[in-house]
Protein backbone atom coordinates (compact mmCIF):
# COMPACT_ATOMS: atom_id res chain seq x y z
CA MET A 1 2.62 22.15 -30.17
CA ALA A 2 0.12 20.53 -27.87
CA ASP A 3 1.58 19.50 -24.52
CA ASP A 4 0.67 15.88 -25.18
CA ALA A 5 3.93 15.73 -27.15
CA ILE A 6 5.77 15.28 -23.84
CA GLU A 7 4.04 11.90 -23.52
CA ARG A 8 5.81 10.61 -26.65
CA LEU A 9 9.42 10.83 -25.48
CA SER A 10 10.06 7.17 -24.66
CA GLY A 11 13.39 6.00 -26.11
CA THR A 12 14.93 9.48 -26.25
CA THR A 13 17.97 10.70 -24.35
CA LEU A 14 18.10 14.01 -22.51
CA ASP A 15 21.37 15.93 -22.77
CA GLY A 16 23.18 12.68 -23.53
CA ARG A 17 22.92 11.64 -19.87
CA PHE A 18 19.45 10.28 -19.15
CA THR A 19 17.45 7.86 -21.25
CA LEU A 20 13.66 7.86 -21.04
CA ASP A 21 12.92 4.13 -20.97
CA ALA A 22 9.16 4.03 -20.36
CA PHE A 23 6.28 6.43 -19.95
CA VAL A 24 4.81 6.05 -16.44
CA ALA A 25 2.07 8.60 -15.94
CA ARG A 26 0.74 12.01 -16.86
CA GLY A 27 -0.16 14.45 -14.14
CA GLY A 28 -1.58 17.92 -14.25
CA TYR A 29 1.85 19.49 -14.54
CA GLY A 30 3.95 17.08 -16.53
CA ALA A 31 4.79 13.59 -17.73
CA VAL A 32 6.79 11.12 -15.64
CA TYR A 33 9.17 8.55 -17.15
CA ARG A 34 11.20 5.71 -15.76
CA GLY A 35 14.69 6.39 -16.99
CA THR A 36 18.33 5.46 -16.57
CA HIS A 37 21.14 7.65 -15.31
CA LEU A 38 23.75 6.57 -17.88
CA ALA A 39 26.83 7.59 -15.88
CA LEU A 40 25.66 5.94 -12.66
CA ARG A 41 23.71 3.12 -14.33
CA ARG A 42 20.91 3.83 -11.91
CA THR A 43 17.16 3.83 -12.41
CA VAL A 44 15.73 7.32 -12.05
CA ALA A 45 12.44 9.12 -12.45
CA VAL A 46 12.37 11.93 -15.01
CA LYS A 47 9.58 14.48 -14.94
CA VAL A 48 9.13 16.75 -17.95
CA LEU A 49 7.13 19.81 -16.98
CA ALA A 50 4.17 20.90 -19.06
CA VAL A 51 4.55 24.67 -19.46
CA PRO A 52 1.20 26.51 -19.23
CA GLU A 53 -0.05 27.72 -22.59
CA VAL A 54 -0.21 31.32 -21.36
CA TYR A 55 3.58 31.44 -21.52
CA GLU A 56 4.94 32.26 -24.93
CA GLY A 57 8.07 34.02 -26.13
CA ALA A 58 9.82 35.98 -23.40
CA ALA A 59 7.25 34.90 -20.81
CA ARG A 60 8.07 31.27 -21.49
CA ALA A 61 11.79 31.94 -21.11
CA ARG A 62 11.19 33.64 -17.75
CA PHE A 63 9.04 30.73 -16.59
CA VAL A 64 11.72 28.19 -17.48
CA GLU A 65 14.40 30.28 -15.78
CA ALA A 66 12.31 30.63 -12.60
CA PHE A 67 11.62 26.91 -12.58
CA GLU A 68 15.32 26.08 -12.82
CA ALA A 69 16.11 28.42 -9.93
CA GLU A 70 13.44 26.88 -7.71
CA ALA A 71 14.45 23.35 -8.74
CA LEU A 72 18.01 24.08 -7.63
CA THR A 73 16.65 25.34 -4.31
CA VAL A 74 14.67 22.14 -3.84
CA ALA A 75 17.73 20.11 -4.79
CA GLY A 76 19.44 21.73 -1.82
CA LEU A 77 16.86 20.30 0.60
CA HIS A 78 18.22 17.36 2.54
CA HIS A 79 15.72 15.24 4.41
CA PRO A 80 15.22 11.46 4.27
CA ALA A 81 11.50 11.90 3.52
CA ILE A 82 12.07 14.24 0.58
CA VAL A 83 12.73 12.52 -2.72
CA ARG A 84 16.24 13.43 -3.83
CA VAL A 85 16.78 15.55 -6.92
CA HIS A 86 19.69 14.30 -9.05
CA ASP A 87 19.63 16.96 -11.74
CA VAL A 88 17.59 19.63 -13.49
CA GLY A 89 17.68 20.80 -17.08
CA VAL A 90 15.77 21.97 -20.12
CA THR A 91 14.98 19.92 -23.18
CA THR A 92 13.65 21.06 -26.52
CA VAL A 93 10.69 19.23 -28.01
CA GLU A 94 9.47 20.31 -31.45
CA GLY A 95 11.20 23.66 -31.11
CA ARG A 96 9.85 24.52 -27.65
CA ALA A 97 11.66 24.48 -24.32
CA TYR A 98 10.47 22.19 -21.52
CA PRO A 99 12.19 22.01 -18.13
CA TYR A 100 12.72 18.62 -16.52
CA THR A 101 13.91 17.19 -13.22
CA VAL A 102 15.70 13.91 -12.59
CA LEU A 103 14.58 12.34 -9.33
CA GLU A 104 15.27 9.36 -7.16
CA TRP A 105 13.24 6.35 -8.30
CA ILE A 106 11.05 4.89 -5.51
CA GLU A 107 9.32 1.53 -5.58
CA GLY A 108 5.95 1.72 -3.94
CA ALA A 109 2.53 3.25 -4.38
CA THR A 110 1.17 6.73 -3.91
CA LEU A 111 -0.86 7.48 -0.82
CA ASP A 112 -3.75 8.24 -3.15
CA ALA A 113 -3.68 4.67 -4.50
CA THR A 114 -3.35 3.32 -0.96
CA LEU A 115 -6.42 5.22 0.24
CA ARG A 116 -8.46 3.96 -2.72
CA SER A 117 -7.54 0.31 -2.20
CA PRO A 118 -10.26 -2.10 -0.94
CA GLU A 119 -8.28 -2.67 2.26
CA ALA A 120 -8.22 1.03 3.12
CA GLY A 121 -10.36 2.41 5.88
CA PRO A 122 -10.37 4.79 8.82
CA ARG A 123 -7.25 4.83 11.00
CA SER A 124 -6.70 5.84 14.59
CA PRO A 125 -4.93 9.14 15.39
CA ARG A 126 -1.82 7.27 16.49
CA GLU A 127 -1.71 5.26 13.24
CA VAL A 128 -2.28 8.35 11.12
CA LEU A 129 0.45 10.39 12.76
CA ALA A 130 2.89 7.47 12.60
CA LEU A 131 2.26 7.22 8.86
CA LEU A 132 2.40 10.94 8.10
CA ARG A 133 5.03 12.13 10.58
CA PRO A 134 7.82 11.85 7.94
CA VAL A 135 5.78 14.07 5.63
CA PHE A 136 5.22 16.67 8.36
CA GLU A 137 8.91 16.63 9.25
CA ALA A 138 9.94 16.93 5.60
CA ILE A 139 7.72 19.97 5.04
CA ALA A 140 8.91 21.48 8.33
CA SER A 141 12.48 21.08 7.06
CA ALA A 142 11.56 22.78 3.78
CA HIS A 143 9.89 25.66 5.64
CA GLU A 144 13.01 26.11 7.71
CA ALA A 145 14.98 26.39 4.47
CA GLY A 146 12.52 28.94 3.08
CA VAL A 147 10.67 26.66 0.64
CA VAL A 148 6.97 25.84 0.49
CA HIS A 149 5.56 22.91 -1.46
CA ARG A 150 2.16 24.42 -2.48
CA ASP A 151 0.76 21.17 -3.92
CA LEU A 152 0.64 18.61 -1.13
CA LYS A 153 -1.93 15.89 -1.80
CA PRO A 154 -2.12 12.08 -1.55
CA ALA A 155 -0.87 11.72 -5.13
CA ASN A 156 2.35 13.52 -4.14
CA VAL A 157 3.14 11.24 -1.21
CA MET A 158 4.75 7.86 -1.81
CA VAL A 159 4.23 4.92 0.53
CA ALA A 160 7.35 2.80 0.16
CA PRO A 161 8.41 -0.43 1.93
CA THR A 162 11.43 -0.31 4.22
CA LEU A 163 14.15 -2.88 4.82
CA HIS A 164 12.37 -3.94 8.01
CA GLY A 165 9.10 -4.81 6.29
CA GLU A 166 7.35 -1.61 7.36
CA VAL A 167 6.31 1.34 5.22
CA SER A 168 7.59 4.88 5.05
CA THR A 169 6.13 7.96 3.42
CA ARG A 170 8.12 10.24 1.14
CA VAL A 171 7.23 13.64 -0.33
CA LEU A 172 7.20 13.93 -4.12
CA ASP A 173 6.97 16.73 -6.62
CA PHE A 174 8.26 20.05 -5.44
CA GLY A 175 7.67 21.18 -9.01
CA LEU A 176 5.31 23.90 -7.79
CA ALA A 177 7.58 24.83 -4.92
CA LYS A 178 8.11 28.46 -4.12
CA ALA A 179 11.12 29.99 -2.45
CA PHE A 180 9.61 32.64 -0.21
CA ALA A 181 11.38 35.79 0.94
CA PRO A 182 12.26 36.20 4.63
CA GLU A 183 9.63 38.91 5.06
CA GLU A 184 6.93 36.44 4.01
CA ARG A 185 7.51 34.29 7.07
CA GLY A 186 5.40 36.60 9.17
CA THR A 187 2.82 37.74 6.63
CA ASN A 188 -0.86 36.95 7.09
CA GLY A 189 -1.14 35.62 3.55
CA ASN A 190 -3.96 38.01 2.61
CA SER A 191 -2.08 40.16 0.11
CA PHE A 192 -3.05 39.74 -3.54
CA THR A 193 -0.67 38.17 -6.01
CA GLY A 194 -0.89 38.87 -9.70
CA ASP A 195 1.06 35.76 -10.67
CA GLU A 196 -0.64 34.45 -13.78
CA GLY A 197 1.09 31.14 -13.33
CA ALA A 198 -0.48 30.38 -9.98
CA SER A 199 -1.11 26.62 -10.10
CA PHE A 200 -2.61 24.15 -7.66
CA SER A 201 -4.71 21.00 -7.49
CA LEU A 202 -8.27 22.12 -6.89
CA SER A 203 -9.19 18.99 -4.94
CA HIS A 204 -6.65 19.93 -2.23
CA ALA A 205 -6.38 23.69 -2.61
CA ALA A 206 -6.33 26.18 0.23
CA PRO A 207 -8.79 29.11 0.27
CA GLU A 208 -6.01 31.58 -0.55
CA GLN A 209 -5.10 29.59 -3.65
CA VAL A 210 -8.58 29.74 -5.15
CA GLY A 211 -8.79 33.39 -4.07
CA ARG A 212 -5.49 34.22 -5.81
CA LEU A 213 -3.96 35.47 -2.54
CA ARG A 214 -0.38 35.07 -1.46
CA THR A 215 0.75 31.55 -0.64
CA GLY A 216 3.31 30.56 1.95
CA PRO A 217 3.93 28.13 4.84
CA TRP A 218 0.31 28.66 5.89
CA THR A 219 -0.73 27.04 2.60
CA ASP A 220 1.23 23.89 3.40
CA VAL A 221 -0.24 23.88 6.93
CA HIS A 222 -3.72 23.72 5.40
CA ALA A 223 -2.63 20.96 3.01
CA LEU A 224 -1.04 18.89 5.79
CA ALA A 225 -4.18 19.15 7.92
CA LEU A 226 -6.33 18.18 4.95
CA LEU A 227 -4.07 15.22 4.27
CA LEU A 228 -4.30 14.06 7.87
CA VAL A 229 -8.11 14.32 7.90
CA GLU A 230 -8.38 12.25 4.73
CA VAL A 231 -6.20 9.45 6.08
CA LEU A 232 -8.05 9.60 9.40
CA VAL A 233 -11.57 9.32 7.96
CA GLY A 234 -10.67 7.27 4.87
CA GLN A 235 -12.21 9.56 2.25
CA ARG A 236 -11.67 12.78 0.31
CA ALA A 237 -12.19 15.91 2.41
CA TYR A 238 -13.39 18.20 -0.38
CA ARG A 239 -15.94 16.56 -2.66
CA GLY A 240 -17.90 17.99 -5.55
CA GLU A 241 -19.30 17.06 -8.91
CA THR A 242 -18.02 20.24 -10.54
CA SER A 243 -15.32 22.86 -10.03
CA ILE A 244 -18.00 25.21 -8.71
CA ASP A 245 -18.92 22.64 -6.03
CA LEU A 246 -15.27 22.35 -5.00
CA TYR A 247 -14.79 26.12 -4.86
CA ALA A 248 -17.87 26.39 -2.63
CA ARG A 249 -16.58 23.74 -0.21
CA ILE A 250 -13.05 25.13 -0.10
CA THR A 251 -14.33 28.58 0.87
CA ALA A 252 -17.18 27.45 3.14
CA ARG A 253 -17.25 28.57 6.78
CA GLU A 254 -17.64 24.98 7.95
CA ARG A 255 -14.19 23.46 7.75
CA PRO A 256 -13.67 19.76 6.91
CA THR A 257 -12.60 18.65 10.39
CA PRO A 258 -12.98 15.01 11.54
CA ARG A 259 -16.24 15.75 13.35
CA THR A 260 -17.92 16.72 10.07
CA PHE A 261 -17.30 13.08 9.08
CA ASP A 262 -18.63 11.77 12.44
CA VAL A 263 -15.13 10.94 13.67
CA GLU A 264 -14.30 11.94 17.24
CA VAL A 265 -10.69 12.88 17.98
CA GLY A 266 -11.07 14.93 21.15
CA PRO A 267 -8.49 17.75 21.34
CA TRP A 268 -7.39 17.17 17.74
CA GLU A 269 -10.69 18.65 16.58
CA ALA A 270 -9.64 22.13 17.73
CA VAL A 271 -6.09 21.67 16.41
CA LEU A 272 -7.31 20.73 12.93
CA ASP A 273 -10.01 23.38 12.94
CA ARG A 274 -7.26 25.96 13.45
CA ALA A 275 -4.97 24.43 10.80
CA LEU A 276 -7.83 24.45 8.27
CA ALA A 277 -9.00 27.95 9.13
CA LEU A 278 -10.50 29.96 6.31
CA MET A 279 -8.19 32.88 7.09
CA ALA A 280 -4.50 32.09 6.72
CA LYS A 281 -3.54 34.33 9.66
CA GLU A 282 -5.51 32.08 12.05
CA ARG A 283 -3.53 28.92 11.20
CA HIS A 284 -0.32 27.56 12.68
CA ARG A 285 2.68 29.53 11.49
CA ASP A 286 4.35 26.51 9.81
CA ALA A 287 4.46 22.72 9.62
CA ALA A 288 6.65 22.39 12.72
CA ALA A 289 4.10 24.27 14.86
CA LEU A 290 1.25 22.11 13.57
CA LEU A 291 3.17 18.88 14.22
CA ALA A 292 4.03 19.99 17.77
CA ASP A 293 0.36 20.75 18.47
CA LEU A 294 -0.74 17.36 17.12
CA GLU A 295 1.84 15.44 19.15
CA ALA A 296 1.02 17.34 22.36
CA ASN A 297 -2.64 16.27 22.02
CA LEU A 298 -2.12 12.79 20.58
CA ASP A 299 -2.98 10.83 23.73
CA GLY A 300 -6.25 12.70 24.21
CA ALA A 301 -7.15 12.24 20.55
CA GLN A 302 -6.46 8.52 20.75
CA ARG A 303 -8.60 8.08 23.88
CA ALA A 304 -11.50 9.99 22.36
CA TRP A 305 -11.27 8.00 19.12
CA HIS A 306 -11.32 4.67 20.96
CA ALA A 307 -14.12 5.76 23.30
CA SER A 308 -16.31 6.73 20.35
CA ARG A 309 -15.93 3.22 18.89
CA ALA A 310 -16.41 1.23 22.09
CA PRO A 311 -19.81 -0.46 22.59
CA THR A 312 -22.02 1.84 24.64
CA PRO A 313 -22.97 0.15 27.97
CA PRO A 314 -26.65 0.47 28.96
CA SER A 315 -27.44 3.26 31.37
CA HIS A 316 -28.76 2.52 34.88
CA ALA A 317 -32.25 3.49 33.79
CA THR A 318 -32.02 1.22 30.76
CA ALA A 319 -30.67 -1.61 32.90
CA ARG A 320 -33.54 -1.22 35.39
CA SER A 321 -36.05 -1.13 32.56
CA THR A 322 -34.54 -4.24 31.00
CA SER A 323 -34.51 -6.06 34.35
CA ARG A 324 -38.13 -5.10 34.97
CA ARG A 325 -39.23 -6.29 31.54
CA TRP A 326 -37.33 -9.54 32.09
CA ALA A 327 -38.93 -10.00 35.51
CA LEU A 328 -42.43 -9.24 34.24
CA GLY A 329 -41.95 -11.57 31.33
CA THR A 330 -40.78 -14.31 33.69
CA LEU A 331 -43.74 -13.73 35.99
CA GLY A 332 -46.07 -13.81 33.04
CA LEU A 333 -44.72 -17.16 31.89
CA ALA A 334 -44.89 -18.47 35.45
CA CYS A 335 -48.53 -17.41 35.70
CA VAL A 336 -49.35 -19.21 32.48
CA ALA A 337 -47.70 -22.37 33.76
CA LEU A 338 -49.38 -22.12 37.17
CA ALA A 339 -52.74 -21.41 35.56
CA SER A 340 -52.42 -24.56 33.50
CA ALA A 341 -51.46 -26.54 36.61
CA ALA A 342 -54.39 -25.08 38.55
CA ALA A 343 -56.76 -25.87 35.72
CA LEU A 344 -55.84 -29.56 35.94
CA ARG A 345 -57.37 -29.55 39.43
CA VAL A 346 -60.69 -28.16 38.22
CA ARG A 347 -63.57 -30.41 37.50
CA VAL A 348 -65.18 -29.34 34.26
CA ALA A 349 -68.85 -29.80 33.38
CA ARG A 350 -69.26 -31.35 29.99
CA PRO A 351 -72.30 -30.78 27.79
CA ARG A 352 -74.93 -33.55 27.53
CA THR A 353 -74.56 -35.76 24.48
CA SER A 354 -76.21 -38.94 23.31
CA ASP A 355 -72.93 -40.82 23.66
CA HIS A 356 -72.37 -40.06 27.35
CA ARG A 357 -74.36 -40.49 30.50
CA SER A 358 -75.32 -37.21 32.09
CA PRO A 359 -73.39 -36.47 35.26
CA PRO A 360 -75.25 -35.65 38.43
CA ALA A 361 -76.49 -32.09 38.41
CA VAL A 362 -74.50 -29.58 40.37
CA PRO A 363 -75.96 -26.20 41.29
CA ALA A 364 -74.56 -23.54 38.94
CA THR A 365 -74.07 -21.22 41.85
CA ALA A 366 -72.04 -23.66 43.86
CA PRO A 367 -68.92 -21.85 45.04
CA LEU A 368 -65.49 -23.14 44.33
CA GLN A 369 -64.24 -24.81 47.46
CA PRO A 370 -60.85 -23.76 48.74
CA SER A 371 -58.21 -26.39 48.30
CA ALA A 372 -56.01 -27.51 51.12
CA THR A 373 -53.18 -28.14 48.71
CA PRO A 374 -50.21 -25.74 48.24
CA ASP A 375 -51.85 -24.58 44.99
CA ALA A 376 -54.58 -22.83 46.87
CA GLY A 377 -52.60 -19.61 46.95
CA VAL A 378 -52.19 -19.77 43.19
CA GLU A 379 -55.93 -20.25 42.68
CA ARG A 380 -56.69 -17.30 44.93
CA ALA A 381 -54.14 -15.16 43.05
CA LEU A 382 -55.65 -16.03 39.71
CA GLY A 383 -59.15 -15.02 40.91
CA PRO A 384 -62.52 -16.85 40.71
CA LEU A 385 -63.18 -19.16 37.81
CA THR A 386 -66.36 -19.22 35.73
CA ALA A 387 -69.60 -20.60 37.12
CA SER A 388 -69.24 -23.81 35.11
CA ALA A 389 -66.07 -24.81 37.03
CA GLN A 390 -66.63 -27.43 39.71
CA ALA A 391 -64.60 -28.78 42.57
CA PRO A 392 -62.31 -31.60 41.48
CA SER A 393 -63.57 -35.15 41.94
CA ALA A 394 -61.58 -38.21 41.00
CA GLU A 395 -64.55 -40.19 39.74
CA ARG A 396 -65.90 -37.35 37.61
CA VAL A 397 -62.70 -36.28 35.80
CA GLU A 398 -63.08 -37.88 32.39
CA ARG A 399 -60.18 -36.20 30.59
CA ALA A 400 -57.62 -33.54 31.18
CA PRO A 401 -58.46 -30.12 29.82
CA VAL A 402 -56.60 -29.15 26.65
CA VAL A 403 -54.83 -25.79 26.34
CA ARG A 404 -56.09 -24.03 23.25
CA ARG A 405 -53.26 -22.70 21.11
CA SER A 406 -54.08 -19.95 18.67
CA ALA A 407 -52.36 -19.71 15.31
CA ALA A 408 -50.93 -16.34 16.28
CA ARG A 409 -47.86 -16.05 18.48
CA PRO A 410 -48.99 -16.16 22.15
CA ARG A 411 -48.76 -12.93 24.09
CA VAL A 412 -47.23 -12.85 27.55
CA LEU A 413 -49.04 -10.31 29.73
CA ARG A 414 -48.29 -8.85 33.10
CA PRO A 415 -49.77 -10.75 36.06
CA ALA A 416 -52.31 -7.98 36.65
CA ASP A 417 -53.59 -8.39 33.11
CA ALA A 418 -53.82 -12.21 33.10
CA ARG A 419 -57.31 -13.75 33.04
CA LEU A 420 -58.30 -17.40 33.22
CA GLY A 421 -61.51 -18.70 31.74
CA VAL A 422 -63.03 -22.12 31.12
CA THR A 423 -65.13 -22.72 28.04
CA ALA A 424 -68.24 -24.83 27.92
CA ASP A 425 -66.41 -27.72 26.34
CA GLY A 426 -63.93 -27.86 29.13
CA GLU A 427 -60.95 -26.22 27.41
CA ILE A 428 -58.95 -23.42 28.93
CA GLU A 429 -58.34 -20.07 27.36
CA ILE A 430 -55.82 -17.56 28.68
CA GLU A 431 -56.01 -13.99 27.40
């Protein structure tokens, strides 16, 4: 039977105790239904596990037995951020055994859906840790009890509203949980495991999972760090078009820390670089150690994050350069205005025409007489005018000179570059 048969169980009753009212979703490892606990008249979530095809006959029986044992271990975990397990069992569908778990029903959305919403975006370190602290504490509690999750990802974290209008995160799906032996607490995680049923979500896998090495608390440490980075930067940490791309990124020397996404978190960078280390032995020993390290460096991470987003003030050199440009521009405009004012005091020789009487001749070499007015300093600063400029005379000024405006945008030059000239027709040009 193809495993899609577990998606067609709506309306059935499991062991006479739980009805499967509506199909909700299909994940990589099973189908989830909204159901009813008949004895308690309570809405529950029922997950029917999809047994890997490699298990047949005796191997399938051993898999189901191991799952039931681990499910009972998970049911013994008591933490407010871990979804409660009401019951476990095995159902038969078309002659084949499928284990199932009955879980607490939670209204809300997965963290994966929250991160993909249009309103989602980067969060500050303080916001991220406030959101994910329940998840860290839940996994730390599981590690203390000797259980590792092995499949932490945004799709396995629920964001649920609280009675106070806030939100709280809860950990879902310990279906891939593993009860580890006491001697595994101190292992480096580098020993090979021949478990054919090793399962994980490639998008959030640890290097030891893709390398078929032993998993343990160090695997959850990697997953928690990856989860935190994704909420912090607002995007998936491992990206790839194909499985080969994902494998390459998961095992790359460069780890997906916040800085690789251009996010500055100060001391958190080193903390997360350690938690995401390629070698399991270099990571924090468990979730509690990682959480303690993050909290100890939270203030520094928050300051660095805010500083990286604050507008950068201009340096002293930039400020001086800006002030100088402003001053030169102001002087340039002042020179243009003063040049125009000075030009109004200049008598201009007009060319002879048939419509006007010729003015008395003035020697072309006649020097410009200094003016006794306050503008004399301006005229000296602007330099000598052309030979056609004459000393002002009230009876000989026929019209005020016109400033020629070019079609192009006028350029403002430094005072040392400004030049004043008078054309033959009495109009002023400033270059």
